[in-house]
């Protein structure tokens, strides 16, 4: 995660995914990130929270929050280091 990246953000499991931009990563424990909410309805709101609230990195600019109401989310796949039983695939 880098400053300036767009992510799909969800504070709680019942909340919808919204697009945020990473403003700052904290350096102390517990880990915290400062995010800026992109949509106009949030009126420039910023919030600090755990990085676990960032669900999916939005690779394509404008992929979240289309005016049509359709949300496009790309799911990344990460390969964990191979253990005794081979590689383990987990969804981000």
N, C-alpha and C. Protein backbone atom coordinates (compact mmCIF):
# COMPACT_ATOMS: atom_id res chain seq x y z
N UNK A 1 0.84 -1.16 0.00
CA UNK A 1 0.00 0.00 0.00
C UNK A 1 0.90 1.23 0.00
N UNK A 2 0.62 2.14 -0.93
CA UNK A 2 1.42 3.35 -1.06
C UNK A 2 0.52 4.58 -0.98
N UNK A 3 1.10 5.69 -0.55
CA UNK A 3 0.38 6.95 -0.51
C UNK A 3 -0.11 7.31 -1.91
N UNK A 4 -1.37 7.72 -2.00
CA UNK A 4 -1.95 8.10 -3.29
C UNK A 4 -2.72 7.00 -3.99
N UNK A 5 -2.59 5.76 -3.54
CA UNK A 5 -3.33 4.65 -4.17
C UNK A 5 -4.80 4.72 -3.82
N UNK A 6 -5.65 4.29 -4.75
CA UNK A 6 -7.08 4.18 -4.51
C UNK A 6 -7.42 2.77 -4.07
N UNK A 7 -8.29 2.67 -3.06
CA UNK A 7 -8.69 1.38 -2.51
C UNK A 7 -10.19 1.35 -2.30
N UNK A 8 -10.75 0.14 -2.31
CA UNK A 8 -12.13 -0.07 -1.85
C UNK A 8 -12.05 -0.20 -0.34
N UNK A 9 -12.90 0.56 0.37
CA UNK A 9 -12.83 0.67 1.83
C UNK A 9 -14.16 0.26 2.44
N UNK A 10 -14.09 -0.48 3.53
CA UNK A 10 -15.30 -0.87 4.25
C UNK A 10 -14.97 -0.87 5.74
N UNK A 11 -15.65 -0.02 6.53
CA UNK A 11 -15.39 0.06 7.96
C UNK A 11 -15.99 -1.13 8.71
N UNK A 12 -17.19 -1.55 8.30
CA UNK A 12 -17.86 -2.69 8.94
C UNK A 12 -18.39 -3.60 7.84
N UNK A 13 -18.66 -4.84 8.20
CA UNK A 13 -19.13 -5.83 7.22
C UNK A 13 -20.45 -5.48 6.56
N UNK A 14 -21.29 -4.68 7.22
CA UNK A 14 -22.60 -4.33 6.66
C UNK A 14 -22.53 -3.07 5.81
N UNK A 15 -21.40 -2.35 5.84
CA UNK A 15 -21.26 -1.11 5.07
C UNK A 15 -20.93 -1.43 3.62
N UNK A 16 -21.33 -0.54 2.70
CA UNK A 16 -20.96 -0.74 1.29
C UNK A 16 -19.49 -0.40 1.07
N UNK A 17 -18.92 -0.92 -0.01
CA UNK A 17 -17.57 -0.55 -0.40
C UNK A 17 -17.59 0.86 -0.97
N UNK A 18 -16.65 1.68 -0.55
CA UNK A 18 -16.52 3.04 -1.09
C UNK A 18 -15.07 3.27 -1.48
N UNK A 19 -14.85 4.16 -2.43
CA UNK A 19 -13.49 4.44 -2.88
C UNK A 19 -12.83 5.46 -1.96
N UNK A 20 -11.61 5.15 -1.56
CA UNK A 20 -10.80 6.06 -0.76
C UNK A 20 -9.42 6.15 -1.38
N UNK A 21 -8.69 7.19 -1.02
CA UNK A 21 -7.31 7.35 -1.43
C UNK A 21 -6.45 7.40 -0.18
N UNK A 22 -5.36 6.65 -0.16
CA UNK A 22 -4.45 6.61 0.99
C UNK A 22 -3.69 7.93 1.06
N UNK A 23 -3.81 8.61 2.22
CA UNK A 23 -3.13 9.88 2.43
C UNK A 23 -1.82 9.67 3.19
N UNK A 24 -1.86 8.81 4.21
CA UNK A 24 -0.68 8.63 5.06
C UNK A 24 -0.75 7.28 5.75
N UNK A 25 0.42 6.63 5.88
CA UNK A 25 0.53 5.39 6.66
C UNK A 25 1.21 5.71 7.98
N UNK A 26 0.61 5.28 9.08
CA UNK A 26 1.22 5.49 10.39
C UNK A 26 2.47 4.65 10.55
N UNK A 27 3.33 5.08 11.49
CA UNK A 27 4.58 4.37 11.71
C UNK A 27 4.62 3.64 13.04
N UNK A 28 3.62 3.87 13.90
CA UNK A 28 3.62 3.25 15.22
C UNK A 28 2.58 2.13 15.28
N UNK A 29 2.60 1.41 16.39
CA UNK A 29 1.63 0.33 16.62
C UNK A 29 0.48 0.88 17.44
N UNK A 30 -0.75 0.48 17.26
CA UNK A 30 -1.22 -0.40 16.19
C UNK A 30 -1.19 0.32 14.84
N UNK A 31 -1.08 -0.47 13.78
CA UNK A 31 -1.00 0.08 12.43
C UNK A 31 -2.27 0.88 12.11
N UNK A 32 -2.09 2.05 11.51
CA UNK A 32 -3.20 2.91 11.12
C UNK A 32 -2.88 3.56 9.78
N UNK A 33 -3.91 3.82 9.00
CA UNK A 33 -3.77 4.57 7.75
C UNK A 33 -4.76 5.72 7.77
N UNK A 34 -4.38 6.83 7.17
CA UNK A 34 -5.28 7.96 6.99
C UNK A 34 -5.77 7.91 5.56
N UNK A 35 -7.10 7.85 5.39
CA UNK A 35 -7.67 7.77 4.05
C UNK A 35 -8.57 8.97 3.79
N UNK A 36 -8.67 9.35 2.53
CA UNK A 36 -9.53 10.43 2.08
C UNK A 36 -10.65 9.81 1.24
N UNK A 37 -11.91 10.09 1.58
CA UNK A 37 -13.04 9.56 0.84
C UNK A 37 -13.21 10.36 -0.45
N UNK A 38 -13.25 9.68 -1.59
CA UNK A 38 -13.24 10.32 -2.90
C UNK A 38 -14.61 10.88 -3.30
N UNK A 39 -15.69 10.17 -3.01
CA UNK A 39 -17.03 10.57 -3.47
C UNK A 39 -17.44 11.91 -2.88
N UNK A 40 -18.14 12.71 -3.69
CA UNK A 40 -18.61 14.03 -3.26
C UNK A 40 -19.53 13.97 -2.06
N UNK A 41 -20.28 12.88 -1.91
CA UNK A 41 -21.23 12.76 -0.80
C UNK A 41 -20.55 12.78 0.56
N UNK A 42 -19.25 12.48 0.62
CA UNK A 42 -18.51 12.49 1.89
C UNK A 42 -17.89 13.85 2.19
N UNK A 43 -17.98 14.78 1.26
CA UNK A 43 -17.53 16.15 1.43
C UNK A 43 -16.09 16.26 1.95
N UNK A 44 -15.19 15.46 1.37
CA UNK A 44 -13.77 15.54 1.72
C UNK A 44 -13.39 14.92 3.04
N UNK A 45 -14.26 14.07 3.58
CA UNK A 45 -13.99 13.44 4.87
C UNK A 45 -12.71 12.60 4.83
N UNK A 46 -11.98 12.63 5.93
CA UNK A 46 -10.81 11.78 6.11
C UNK A 46 -10.98 11.01 7.40
N UNK A 47 -10.41 9.81 7.45
CA UNK A 47 -10.58 8.94 8.61
C UNK A 47 -9.32 8.10 8.81
N UNK A 48 -8.98 7.91 10.08
CA UNK A 48 -7.88 6.99 10.43
C UNK A 48 -8.47 5.65 10.82
N UNK A 49 -7.83 4.57 10.39
CA UNK A 49 -8.32 3.25 10.75
C UNK A 49 -7.28 2.20 10.44
N UNK A 50 -7.57 0.95 10.82
CA UNK A 50 -6.63 -0.14 10.54
C UNK A 50 -6.57 -0.44 9.04
N UNK A 51 -5.42 -0.88 8.54
CA UNK A 51 -5.29 -1.19 7.13
C UNK A 51 -6.20 -2.33 6.67
N UNK A 52 -6.72 -3.13 7.59
CA UNK A 52 -7.61 -4.23 7.23
C UNK A 52 -8.92 -3.72 6.61
N UNK A 53 -9.25 -2.47 6.81
CA UNK A 53 -10.46 -1.90 6.21
C UNK A 53 -10.30 -1.65 4.72
N UNK A 54 -9.06 -1.64 4.24
CA UNK A 54 -8.80 -1.49 2.81
C UNK A 54 -8.92 -2.87 2.18
N UNK A 55 -9.91 -3.07 1.34
CA UNK A 55 -10.23 -4.40 0.84
C UNK A 55 -9.57 -4.75 -0.48
N UNK A 56 -9.66 -3.86 -1.47
CA UNK A 56 -9.13 -4.16 -2.80
C UNK A 56 -8.49 -2.90 -3.37
N UNK A 57 -7.27 -3.04 -3.87
CA UNK A 57 -6.60 -1.91 -4.51
C UNK A 57 -7.25 -1.67 -5.85
N UNK A 58 -7.69 -0.45 -6.08
CA UNK A 58 -8.34 -0.10 -7.34
C UNK A 58 -7.27 0.24 -8.36
N UNK A 59 -6.96 -0.70 -9.23
CA UNK A 59 -5.90 -0.54 -10.21
C UNK A 59 -6.31 0.46 -11.29
N UNK A 60 -7.56 0.42 -11.69
CA UNK A 60 -8.04 1.27 -12.76
C UNK A 60 -8.69 2.51 -12.17
N UNK A 61 -8.27 3.67 -12.62
CA UNK A 61 -8.83 4.92 -12.12
C UNK A 61 -10.32 4.98 -12.41
N UNK A 62 -11.13 5.29 -11.41
CA UNK A 62 -12.56 5.39 -11.59
C UNK A 62 -13.28 4.06 -11.62
N UNK A 63 -12.67 2.98 -11.18
CA UNK A 63 -13.32 1.68 -11.24
C UNK A 63 -14.45 1.54 -10.24
N UNK A 64 -14.44 2.34 -9.19
CA UNK A 64 -15.51 2.28 -8.18
C UNK A 64 -16.37 3.52 -8.28
N UNK A 65 -17.64 3.37 -7.99
CA UNK A 65 -18.53 4.52 -7.87
C UNK A 65 -18.99 5.13 -9.17
N UNK A 66 -19.27 4.33 -10.18
CA UNK A 66 -19.81 4.85 -11.42
C UNK A 66 -21.19 5.45 -11.20
N UNK A 67 -21.55 6.45 -12.00
CA UNK A 67 -22.85 7.11 -11.87
C UNK A 67 -24.00 6.13 -12.12
N UNK A 68 -23.75 5.08 -12.88
CA UNK A 68 -24.80 4.11 -13.19
C UNK A 68 -25.14 3.23 -12.00
N UNK A 69 -24.34 3.30 -10.95
CA UNK A 69 -24.58 2.46 -9.77
C UNK A 69 -23.89 1.12 -9.85
N UNK A 70 -23.24 0.83 -10.97
CA UNK A 70 -22.54 -0.44 -11.12
C UNK A 70 -21.16 -0.30 -10.50
N UNK A 71 -20.80 -1.23 -9.66
CA UNK A 71 -19.48 -1.21 -9.04
C UNK A 71 -18.63 -2.30 -9.65
N UNK A 72 -17.48 -1.94 -10.14
CA UNK A 72 -16.55 -2.89 -10.74
C UNK A 72 -15.39 -3.06 -9.78
N UNK A 73 -15.14 -4.28 -9.37
CA UNK A 73 -14.05 -4.55 -8.43
C UNK A 73 -13.19 -5.67 -8.99
N UNK A 74 -11.90 -5.42 -9.08
CA UNK A 74 -10.96 -6.46 -9.50
C UNK A 74 -10.43 -7.16 -8.26
N UNK A 75 -10.53 -8.46 -8.21
CA UNK A 75 -10.05 -9.22 -7.05
C UNK A 75 -8.67 -9.75 -7.36
N UNK A 76 -7.74 -9.43 -6.49
CA UNK A 76 -6.36 -9.90 -6.67
C UNK A 76 -6.16 -11.25 -6.01
N UNK A 77 -5.27 -12.02 -6.54
CA UNK A 77 -4.93 -13.32 -5.96
C UNK A 77 -3.47 -13.25 -5.53
N UNK A 78 -3.21 -13.74 -4.33
CA UNK A 78 -1.86 -13.71 -3.79
C UNK A 78 -1.43 -15.15 -3.50
N UNK A 79 -0.24 -15.51 -3.94
CA UNK A 79 0.30 -16.84 -3.65
C UNK A 79 1.16 -16.74 -2.40
N UNK A 80 0.82 -17.52 -1.40
CA UNK A 80 1.64 -17.59 -0.19
C UNK A 80 2.87 -18.42 -0.49
N UNK A 81 3.97 -18.21 0.25
CA UNK A 81 5.17 -19.01 0.00
C UNK A 81 4.86 -20.50 0.10
N UNK A 82 5.48 -21.27 -0.75
CA UNK A 82 5.21 -22.72 -0.78
C UNK A 82 5.68 -23.35 0.52
N UNK A 83 4.80 -24.13 1.11
CA UNK A 83 5.13 -24.86 2.33
C UNK A 83 5.36 -26.32 2.00
N UNK A 84 5.17 -27.15 2.97
CA UNK A 84 5.36 -28.58 2.77
C UNK A 84 4.36 -29.17 1.79
N UNK A 85 3.20 -28.52 1.68
CA UNK A 85 2.14 -29.05 0.81
C UNK A 85 1.95 -28.22 -0.45
N UNK A 86 2.92 -27.39 -0.81
CA UNK A 86 2.83 -26.60 -2.02
C UNK A 86 2.27 -25.22 -1.76
N UNK A 87 1.95 -24.52 -2.81
CA UNK A 87 1.48 -23.12 -2.71
C UNK A 87 0.02 -23.09 -2.24
N UNK A 88 -0.29 -22.08 -1.48
CA UNK A 88 -1.65 -21.85 -1.00
C UNK A 88 -2.15 -20.57 -1.62
N UNK A 89 -3.32 -20.60 -2.24
CA UNK A 89 -3.90 -19.41 -2.87
C UNK A 89 -4.91 -18.82 -1.92
N UNK A 90 -4.83 -17.48 -1.72
CA UNK A 90 -5.82 -16.82 -0.87
C UNK A 90 -6.27 -15.55 -1.56
N UNK A 91 -7.56 -15.25 -1.45
CA UNK A 91 -8.10 -14.03 -2.02
C UNK A 91 -7.77 -12.87 -1.12
N UNK A 92 -7.48 -11.71 -1.70
CA UNK A 92 -7.18 -10.52 -0.90
C UNK A 92 -8.42 -9.99 -0.25
